[in-house]
Amino acid sequence: SPGHYQNLVRPSFTRLGVGYNAATNSWVQIFAGY
């Protein structure tokens, strides 16, 4: 997905947090750039 891909490779992002909920197979990536 172009929008998601841009977040994955965005040069200004430097840190990542990942969350997974097994009950609903839900996923979250939170990016931050410093």
PDB file of all heavy atoms in Angstrom:
ATOM      1  N   SER A   1       0.854  -1.187   0.000  1.00  0.00           N
ATOM      2  CA  SER A   1       0.000   0.000   0.000  1.00  0.00           C
ATOM      3  C   SER A   1       0.891   1.239   0.000  1.00  0.00           C
ATOM      4  O   SER A   1       1.725   1.405   0.895  1.00  0.00           O
ATOM      5  CB  SER A   1      -0.887   0.004   1.244  1.00  0.00           C
ATOM      6  OG  SER A   1      -1.503   1.270   1.405  1.00  0.00           O
ATOM      7  N   PRO A   2       0.775   2.112  -0.999  1.00  0.00           N
ATOM      8  CA  PRO A   2       1.692   3.255  -1.099  1.00  0.00           C
ATOM      9  C   PRO A   2       1.775   4.103   0.166  1.00  0.00           C
ATOM     10  O   PRO A   2       2.866   4.503   0.577  1.00  0.00           O
ATOM     11  CB  PRO A   2       1.129   4.060  -2.274  1.00  0.00           C
ATOM     12  CG  PRO A   2       0.441   3.045  -3.118  1.00  0.00           C
ATOM     13  CD  PRO A   2      -0.154   2.064  -2.138  1.00  0.00           C
ATOM     14  N   GLY A   3       0.627   4.369   0.801  1.00  0.00           N
ATOM     15  CA  GLY A   3       0.648   5.207   1.992  1.00  0.00           C
ATOM     16  C   GLY A   3       1.382   4.558   3.146  1.00  0.00           C
ATOM     17  O   GLY A   3       2.199   5.203   3.825  1.00  0.00           O
ATOM     18  N   HIS A   4       1.113   3.286   3.356  1.00  0.00           N
ATOM     19  CA  HIS A   4       1.792   2.577   4.435  1.00  0.00           C
ATOM     20  C   HIS A   4       3.292   2.446   4.147  1.00  0.00           C
ATOM     21  O   HIS A   4       4.129   2.583   5.029  1.00  0.00           O
ATOM     22  CB  HIS A   4       1.193   1.180   4.612  1.00  0.00           C
ATOM     23  CG  HIS A   4      -0.246   1.203   5.002  1.00  0.00           C
ATOM     24  ND1 HIS A   4      -1.258   1.335   4.085  1.00  0.00           N
ATOM     25  CD2 HIS A   4      -0.842   1.112   6.218  1.00  0.00           C
ATOM     26  CE1 HIS A   4      -2.431   1.311   4.710  1.00  0.00           C
ATOM     27  NE2 HIS A   4      -2.212   1.194   6.010  1.00  0.00           N
ATOM     28  N   TYR A   5       3.591   2.151   2.896  1.00  0.00           N
ATOM     29  CA  TYR A   5       4.987   1.987   2.500  1.00  0.00           C
ATOM     30  C   TYR A   5       5.782   3.270   2.761  1.00  0.00           C
ATOM     31  O   TYR A   5       6.929   3.223   3.222  1.00  0.00           O
ATOM     32  CB  TYR A   5       5.061   1.619   1.015  1.00  0.00           C
ATOM     33  CG  TYR A   5       6.461   1.431   0.496  1.00  0.00           C
ATOM     34  CD1 TYR A   5       7.120   0.220   0.656  1.00  0.00           C
ATOM     35  CD2 TYR A   5       7.133   2.461  -0.160  1.00  0.00           C
ATOM     36  CE1 TYR A   5       8.408   0.041   0.191  1.00  0.00           C
ATOM     37  CE2 TYR A   5       8.421   2.300  -0.638  1.00  0.00           C
ATOM     38  CZ  TYR A   5       9.057   1.074  -0.457  1.00  0.00           C
ATOM     39  OH  TYR A   5      10.332   0.901  -0.923  1.00  0.00           O
ATOM     40  N   GLN A   6       5.165   4.417   2.481  1.00  0.00           N
ATOM     41  CA  GLN A   6       5.859   5.682   2.732  1.00  0.00           C
ATOM     42  C   GLN A   6       6.236   5.823   4.197  1.00  0.00           C
ATOM     43  O   GLN A   6       7.322   6.312   4.531  1.00  0.00           O
ATOM     44  CB  GLN A   6       4.981   6.861   2.293  1.00  0.00           C
ATOM     45  CG  GLN A   6       4.819   6.987   0.786  1.00  0.00           C
ATOM     46  CD  GLN A   6       3.814   8.057   0.395  1.00  0.00           C
ATOM     47  OE1 GLN A   6       3.376   8.841   1.245  1.00  0.00           O
ATOM     48  NE2 GLN A   6       3.446   8.094  -0.874  1.00  0.00           N
ATOM     49  N   ASN A   7       5.342   5.424   5.099  1.00  0.00           N
ATOM     50  CA  ASN A   7       5.672   5.476   6.519  1.00  0.00           C
ATOM     51  C   ASN A   7       6.820   4.525   6.861  1.00  0.00           C
ATOM     52  O   ASN A   7       7.710   4.848   7.647  1.00  0.00           O
ATOM     53  CB  ASN A   7       4.450   5.115   7.367  1.00  0.00           C
ATOM     54  CG  ASN A   7       3.542   6.312   7.631  1.00  0.00           C
ATOM     55  OD1 ASN A   7       3.890   7.448   7.322  1.00  0.00           O
ATOM     56  ND2 ASN A   7       2.384   6.049   8.191  1.00  0.00           N
ATOM     57  N   LEU A   8       6.803   3.333   6.269  1.00  0.00           N
ATOM     58  CA  LEU A   8       7.822   2.328   6.582  1.00  0.00           C
ATOM     59  C   LEU A   8       9.230   2.793   6.214  1.00  0.00           C
ATOM     60  O   LEU A   8      10.197   2.465   6.899  1.00  0.00           O
ATOM     61  CB  LEU A   8       7.504   1.017   5.856  1.00  0.00           C
ATOM     62  CG  LEU A   8       6.267   0.251   6.339  1.00  0.00           C
ATOM     63  CD1 LEU A   8       5.913  -0.859   5.361  1.00  0.00           C
ATOM     64  CD2 LEU A   8       6.489  -0.326   7.732  1.00  0.00           C
ATOM     65  N   VAL A   9       9.345   3.555   5.130  1.00  0.00           N
ATOM     66  CA  VAL A   9      10.684   3.937   4.642  1.00  0.00           C
ATOM     67  C   VAL A   9      10.952   5.427   4.786  1.00  0.00           C
ATOM     68  O   VAL A   9      11.975   5.915   4.288  1.00  0.00           O
ATOM     69  CB  VAL A   9      10.872   3.508   3.166  1.00  0.00           C
ATOM     70  CG1 VAL A   9      10.714   2.004   3.027  1.00  0.00           C
ATOM     71  CG2 VAL A   9       9.890   4.242   2.235  1.00  0.00           C
ATOM     72  N   ARG A  10      10.087   6.152   5.461  1.00  0.00           N
ATOM     73  CA  ARG A  10      10.242   7.603   5.550  1.00  0.00           C
ATOM     74  C   ARG A  10      11.577   7.956   6.210  1.00  0.00           C
ATOM     75  O   ARG A  10      11.863   7.516   7.333  1.00  0.00           O
ATOM     76  CB  ARG A  10       9.093   8.209   6.345  1.00  0.00           C
ATOM     77  CG  ARG A  10       8.971   9.729   6.224  1.00  0.00           C
ATOM     78  CD  ARG A  10       7.792  10.235   7.030  1.00  0.00           C
ATOM     79  NE  ARG A  10       6.530   9.679   6.551  1.00  0.00           N
ATOM     80  CZ  ARG A  10       5.829  10.177   5.546  1.00  0.00           C
ATOM     81  NH1 ARG A  10       6.273  11.252   4.904  1.00  0.00           N
ATOM     82  NH2 ARG A  10       4.688   9.624   5.175  1.00  0.00           N
ATOM     83  N   PRO A  11      12.433   8.756   5.572  1.00  0.00           N
ATOM     84  CA  PRO A  11      13.752   9.063   6.132  1.00  0.00           C
ATOM     85  C   PRO A  11      13.698   9.807   7.459  1.00  0.00           C
ATOM     86  O   PRO A  11      14.603   9.650   8.286  1.00  0.00           O
ATOM     87  CB  PRO A  11      14.399   9.941   5.043  1.00  0.00           C
ATOM     88  CG  PRO A  11      13.666   9.606   3.785  1.00  0.00           C
ATOM     89  CD  PRO A  11      12.269   9.307   4.206  1.00  0.00           C
ATOM     90  N   SER A  12      12.658  10.615   7.680  1.00  0.00           N
ATOM     91  CA  SER A  12      12.611  11.428   8.890  1.00  0.00           C
ATOM     92  C   SER A  12      12.214  10.637  10.130  1.00  0.00           C
ATOM     93  O   SER A  12      12.365  11.127  11.247  1.00  0.00           O
ATOM     94  CB  SER A  12      11.641  12.606   8.709  1.00  0.00           C
ATOM     95  OG  SER A  12      10.337  12.136   8.398  1.00  0.00           O
ATOM     96  N   PHE A  13      11.701   9.429   9.954  1.00  0.00           N
ATOM     97  CA  PHE A  13      11.389   8.597  11.114  1.00  0.00           C
ATOM     98  C   PHE A  13      12.654   7.924  11.624  1.00  0.00           C
ATOM     99  O   PHE A  13      13.451   7.398  10.849  1.00  0.00           O
ATOM    100  CB  PHE A  13      10.346   7.536  10.760  1.00  0.00           C
ATOM    101  CG  PHE A  13       8.953   8.053  10.551  1.00  0.00           C
ATOM    102  CD1 PHE A  13       8.045   7.351   9.775  1.00  0.00           C
ATOM    103  CD2 PHE A  13       8.544   9.248  11.130  1.00  0.00           C
ATOM    104  CE1 PHE A  13       6.754   7.822   9.582  1.00  0.00           C
ATOM    105  CE2 PHE A  13       7.261   9.726  10.946  1.00  0.00           C
ATOM    106  CZ  PHE A  13       6.360   9.018  10.162  1.00  0.00           C
ATOM    107  N   THR A  14      12.812   7.914  12.946  1.00  0.00           N
ATOM    108  CA  THR A  14      14.014   7.327  13.542  1.00  0.00           C
ATOM    109  C   THR A  14      13.705   6.275  14.600  1.00  0.00           C
ATOM    110  O   THR A  14      14.568   5.475  14.945  1.00  0.00           O
ATOM    111  CB  THR A  14      14.891   8.412  14.180  1.00  0.00           C
ATOM    112  OG1 THR A  14      14.127   9.116  15.177  1.00  0.00           O
ATOM    113  CG2 THR A  14      15.399   9.397  13.132  1.00  0.00           C
ATOM    114  N   ARG A  15      12.480   6.272  15.152  1.00  0.00           N
ATOM    115  CA  ARG A  15      12.123   5.326  16.210  1.00  0.00           C
ATOM    116  C   ARG A  15      10.788   4.669  15.877  1.00  0.00           C
ATOM    117  O   ARG A  15       9.958   5.239  15.170  1.00  0.00           O
ATOM    118  CB  ARG A  15      12.037   6.020  17.570  1.00  0.00           C
ATOM    119  CG  ARG A  15      13.270   6.818  17.938  1.00  0.00           C
ATOM    120  CD  ARG A  15      13.162   7.397  19.340  1.00  0.00           C
ATOM    121  NE  ARG A  15      14.155   8.439  19.572  1.00  0.00           N
ATOM    122  CZ  ARG A  15      14.307   9.105  20.705  1.00  0.00           C
ATOM    123  NH1 ARG A  15      13.517   8.836  21.741  1.00  0.00           N
ATOM    124  NH2 ARG A  15      15.229  10.043  20.823  1.00  0.00           N
ATOM    125  N   LEU A  16      10.598   3.473  16.443  1.00  0.00           N
ATOM    126  CA  LEU A  16       9.389   2.721  16.146  1.00  0.00           C
ATOM    127  C   LEU A  16       8.893   1.991  17.386  1.00  0.00           C
ATOM    128  O   LEU A  16       9.688   1.434  18.158  1.00  0.00           O
ATOM    129  CB  LEU A  16       9.656   1.696  15.034  1.00  0.00           C
ATOM    130  CG  LEU A  16       8.501   0.743  14.675  1.00  0.00           C
ATOM    131  CD1 LEU A  16       7.327   1.523  14.089  1.00  0.00           C
ATOM    132  CD2 LEU A  16       8.972  -0.327  13.702  1.00  0.00           C
ATOM    133  N   GLY A  17       7.576   1.999  17.560  1.00  0.00           N
ATOM    134  CA  GLY A  17       6.921   1.151  18.546  1.00  0.00           C
ATOM    135  C   GLY A  17       5.923   0.255  17.837  1.00  0.00           C
ATOM    136  O   GLY A  17       5.256   0.677  16.886  1.00  0.00           O
ATOM    137  N   VAL A  18       5.830  -0.991  18.269  1.00  0.00           N
ATOM    138  CA  VAL A  18       4.940  -1.958  17.628  1.00  0.00           C
ATOM    139  C   VAL A  18       4.041  -2.577  18.687  1.00  0.00           C
ATOM    140  O   VAL A  18       4.516  -2.993  19.755  1.00  0.00           O
ATOM    141  CB  VAL A  18       5.727  -3.067  16.907  1.00  0.00           C
ATOM    142  CG1 VAL A  18       4.763  -4.053  16.241  1.00  0.00           C
ATOM    143  CG2 VAL A  18       6.669  -2.478  15.872  1.00  0.00           C
ATOM    144  N   GLY A  19       2.751  -2.648  18.394  1.00  0.00           N
ATOM    145  CA  GLY A  19       1.808  -3.304  19.277  1.00  0.00           C
ATOM    146  C   GLY A  19       1.040  -4.382  18.536  1.00  0.00           C
ATOM    147  O   GLY A  19       0.696  -4.217  17.358  1.00  0.00           O
ATOM    148  N   TYR A  20       0.781  -5.507  19.217  1.00  0.00           N
ATOM    149  CA  TYR A  20       0.007  -6.598  18.625  1.00  0.00           C
ATOM    150  C   TYR A  20      -0.977  -7.121  19.658  1.00  0.00           C
ATOM    151  O   TYR A  20      -0.606  -7.365  20.813  1.00  0.00           O
ATOM    152  CB  TYR A  20       0.932  -7.725  18.160  1.00  0.00           C
ATOM    153  CG  TYR A  20       0.190  -8.974  17.732  1.00  0.00           C
ATOM    154  CD1 TYR A  20      -0.580  -8.975  16.575  1.00  0.00           C
ATOM    155  CD2 TYR A  20       0.236 -10.128  18.503  1.00  0.00           C
ATOM    156  CE1 TYR A  20      -1.275 -10.105  16.182  1.00  0.00           C
ATOM    157  CE2 TYR A  20      -0.458 -11.268  18.122  1.00  0.00           C
ATOM    158  CZ  TYR A  20      -1.214 -11.257  16.954  1.00  0.00           C
ATOM    159  OH  TYR A  20      -1.903 -12.383  16.563  1.00  0.00           O
ATOM    160  N   ASN A  21      -2.241  -7.277  19.258  1.00  0.00           N
ATOM    161  CA  ASN A  21      -3.273  -7.837  20.122  1.00  0.00           C
ATOM    162  C   ASN A  21      -3.708  -9.170  19.522  1.00  0.00           C
ATOM    163  O   ASN A  21      -4.377  -9.219  18.475  1.00  0.00           O
ATOM    164  CB  ASN A  21      -4.461  -6.876  20.224  1.00  0.00           C
ATOM    165  CG  ASN A  21      -5.562  -7.422  21.114  1.00  0.00           C
ATOM    166  OD1 ASN A  21      -5.347  -8.363  21.872  1.00  0.00           O
ATOM    167  ND2 ASN A  21      -6.751  -6.832  21.016  1.00  0.00           N
ATOM    168  N   ALA A  22      -3.343 -10.267  20.168  1.00  0.00           N
ATOM    169  CA  ALA A  22      -3.623 -11.597  19.634  1.00  0.00           C
ATOM    170  C   ALA A  22      -5.112 -11.908  19.603  1.00  0.00           C
ATOM    171  O   ALA A  22      -5.571 -12.703  18.774  1.00  0.00           O
ATOM    172  CB  ALA A  22      -2.877 -12.648  20.462  1.00  0.00           C
ATOM    173  N   ALA A  23      -5.894 -11.291  20.480  1.00  0.00           N
ATOM    174  CA  ALA A  23      -7.330 -11.590  20.542  1.00  0.00           C
ATOM    175  C   ALA A  23      -8.044 -11.191  19.257  1.00  0.00           C
ATOM    176  O   ALA A  23      -8.996 -11.863  18.825  1.00  0.00           O
ATOM    177  CB  ALA A  23      -7.960 -10.887  21.740  1.00  0.00           C
ATOM    178  N   THR A  24      -7.597 -10.098  18.631  1.00  0.00           N
ATOM    179  CA  THR A  24      -8.234  -9.608  17.409  1.00  0.00           C
ATOM    180  C   THR A  24      -7.269  -9.578  16.226  1.00  0.00           C
ATOM    181  O   THR A  24      -7.634  -9.114  15.149  1.00  0.00           O
ATOM    182  CB  THR A  24      -8.789  -8.193  17.625  1.00  0.00           C
ATOM    183  OG1 THR A  24      -7.709  -7.332  18.061  1.00  0.00           O
ATOM    184  CG2 THR A  24      -9.883  -8.183  18.680  1.00  0.00           C
ATOM    185  N   ASN A  25      -6.047 -10.092  16.430  1.00  0.00           N
ATOM    186  CA  ASN A  25      -5.011 -10.004  15.391  1.00  0.00           C
ATOM    187  C   ASN A  25      -4.896  -8.568  14.864  1.00  0.00           C
ATOM    188  O   ASN A  25      -4.886  -8.320  13.658  1.00  0.00           O
ATOM    189  CB  ASN A  25      -5.287 -10.979  14.247  1.00  0.00           C
ATOM    190  CG  ASN A  25      -4.958 -12.410  14.637  1.00  0.00           C
ATOM    191  OD1 ASN A  25      -3.955 -12.653  15.314  1.00  0.00           O
ATOM    192  ND2 ASN A  25      -5.796 -13.351  14.226  1.00  0.00           N
ATOM    193  N   SER A  26      -4.812  -7.636  15.808  1.00  0.00           N
ATOM    194  CA  SER A  26      -4.688  -6.211  15.463  1.00  0.00           C
ATOM    195  C   SER A  26      -3.246  -5.761  15.646  1.00  0.00           C
ATOM    196  O   SER A  26      -2.557  -6.187  16.581  1.00  0.00           O
ATOM    197  CB  SER A  26      -5.611  -5.375  16.356  1.00  0.00           C
ATOM    198  OG  SER A  26      -6.955  -5.749  16.163  1.00  0.00           O
ATOM    199  N   TRP A  27      -2.813  -4.882  14.756  1.00  0.00           N
ATOM    200  CA  TRP A  27      -1.417  -4.446  14.722  1.00  0.00           C
ATOM    201  C   TRP A  27      -1.361  -2.921  14.678  1.00  0.00           C
ATOM    202  O   TRP A  27      -2.165  -2.271  14.004  1.00  0.00           O
ATOM    203  CB  TRP A  27      -0.717  -4.989  13.484  1.00  0.00           C
ATOM    204  CG  TRP A  27      -0.773  -6.477  13.341  1.00  0.00           C
ATOM    205  CD1 TRP A  27      -1.833  -7.211  12.876  1.00  0.00           C
ATOM    206  CD2 TRP A  27       0.257  -7.407  13.657  1.00  0.00           C
ATOM    207  NE1 TRP A  27      -1.519  -8.547  12.886  1.00  0.00           N
ATOM    208  CE2 TRP A  27      -0.241  -8.700  13.353  1.00  0.00           C
ATOM    209  CE3 TRP A  27       1.558  -7.282  14.154  1.00  0.00           C
ATOM    210  CZ2 TRP A  27       0.516  -9.858  13.538  1.00  0.00           C
ATOM    211  CZ3 TRP A  27       2.317  -8.427  14.332  1.00  0.00           C
ATOM    212  CH2 TRP A  27       1.800  -9.699  14.032  1.00  0.00           C
ATOM    213  N   VAL A  28      -0.371  -2.364  15.361  1.00  0.00           N
ATOM    214  CA  VAL A  28      -0.151  -0.914  15.341  1.00  0.00           C
ATOM    215  C   VAL A  28       1.351  -0.647  15.249  1.00  0.00           C
ATOM    216  O   VAL A  28       2.150  -1.255  15.970  1.00  0.00           O
ATOM    217  CB  VAL A  28      -0.722  -0.231  16.602  1.00  0.00           C
ATOM    218  CG1 VAL A  28      -0.365   1.254  16.610  1.00  0.00           C
ATOM    219  CG2 VAL A  28      -2.234  -0.400  16.666  1.00  0.00           C
ATOM    220  N   GLN A  29       1.724   0.241  14.350  1.00  0.00           N
ATOM    221  CA  GLN A  29       3.074   0.809  14.322  1.00  0.00           C
ATOM    222  C   GLN A  29       2.959   2.294  14.642  1.00  0.00           C
ATOM    223  O   GLN A  29       2.181   3.005  13.989  1.00  0.00           O
ATOM    224  CB  GLN A  29       3.727   0.662  12.949  1.00  0.00           C
ATOM    225  CG  GLN A  29       4.234  -0.719  12.600  1.00  0.00           C
ATOM    226  CD  GLN A  29       4.905  -0.706  11.234  1.00  0.00           C
ATOM    227  OE1 GLN A  29       4.344  -0.213  10.252  1.00  0.00           O
ATOM    228  NE2 GLN A  29       6.108  -1.235  11.167  1.00  0.00           N
ATOM    229  N   ILE A  30       3.703   2.771  15.615  1.00  0.00           N
ATOM    230  CA  ILE A  30       3.788   4.202  15.895  1.00  0.00           C
ATOM    231  C   ILE A  30       5.230   4.639  15.630  1.00  0.00           C
ATOM    232  O   ILE A  30       6.173   4.118  16.237  1.00  0.00           O
ATOM    233  CB  ILE A  30       3.366   4.529  17.336  1.00  0.00           C
ATOM    234  CG1 ILE A  30       1.867   4.216  17.523  1.00  0.00           C
ATOM    235  CG2 ILE A  30       3.644   5.999  17.661  1.00  0.00           C
ATOM    236  CD1 ILE A  30       1.342   4.540  18.904  1.00  0.00           C
ATOM    237  N   PHE A  31       5.370   5.557  14.702  1.00  0.00           N
ATOM    238  CA  PHE A  31       6.677   6.069  14.298  1.00  0.00           C
ATOM    239  C   PHE A  31       6.913   7.435  14.934  1.00  0.00           C
ATOM    240  O   PHE A  31       5.970   8.200  15.155  1.00  0.00           O
ATOM    241  CB  PHE A  31       6.748   6.247  12.779  1.00  0.00           C
ATOM    242  CG  PHE A  31       6.432   5.023  11.972  1.00  0.00           C
ATOM    243  CD1 PHE A  31       5.116   4.716  11.630  1.00  0.00           C
ATOM    244  CD2 PHE A  31       7.450   4.188  11.535  1.00  0.00           C
ATOM    245  CE1 PHE A  31       4.816   3.595  10.868  1.00  0.00           C
ATOM    246  CE2 PHE A  31       7.165   3.063  10.761  1.00  0.00           C
ATOM    247  CZ  PHE A  31       5.844   2.765  10.433  1.00  0.00           C
ATOM    248  N   ALA A  32       8.164   7.764  15.166  1.00  0.00           N
ATOM    249  CA  ALA A  32       8.527   9.115  15.602  1.00  0.00           C
ATOM    250  C   ALA A  32       9.882   9.463  15.021  1.00  0.00           C
ATOM    251  O   ALA A  32      10.749   8.587  14.848  1.00  0.00           O
ATOM    252  CB  ALA A  32       8.557   9.219  17.130  1.00  0.00           C
ATOM    253  N   GLY A  33      10.044  10.731  14.707  1.00  0.00           N
ATOM    254  CA  GLY A  33      11.309  11.213  14.172  1.00  0.00           C
ATOM    255  C   GLY A  33      11.910  12.258  15.086  1.00  0.00           C
ATOM    256  O   GLY A  33      11.212  13.160  15.557  1.00  0.00           O
ATOM    257  N   TYR A  34      13.199  12.115  15.351  1.00  0.00           N
ATOM    258  CA  TYR A  34      13.942  13.045  16.203  1.00  0.00           C
ATOM    259  C   TYR A  34      15.175  13.493  15.432  1.00  0.00           C
ATOM    260  O   TYR A  34      15.978  12.670  15.000  1.00  0.00           O
ATOM    261  CB  TYR A  34      14.369  12.368  17.513  1.00  0.00           C
ATOM    262  CG  TYR A  34      13.225  11.996  18.418  1.00  0.00           C
ATOM    263  CD1 TYR A  34      12.428  10.887  18.145  1.00  0.00           C
ATOM    264  CD2 TYR A  34      12.930  12.757  19.539  1.00  0.00           C
ATOM    265  CE1 TYR A  34      11.363  10.550  18.972  1.00  0.00           C
ATOM    266  CE2 TYR A  34      11.872  12.428  20.377  1.00  0.00           C
ATOM    267  CZ  TYR A  34      11.097  11.321  20.077  1.00  0.00           C
ATOM    268  OH  TYR A  34      10.061  10.991  20.891  1.00  0.00           O
TER     269      TYR A  34
END
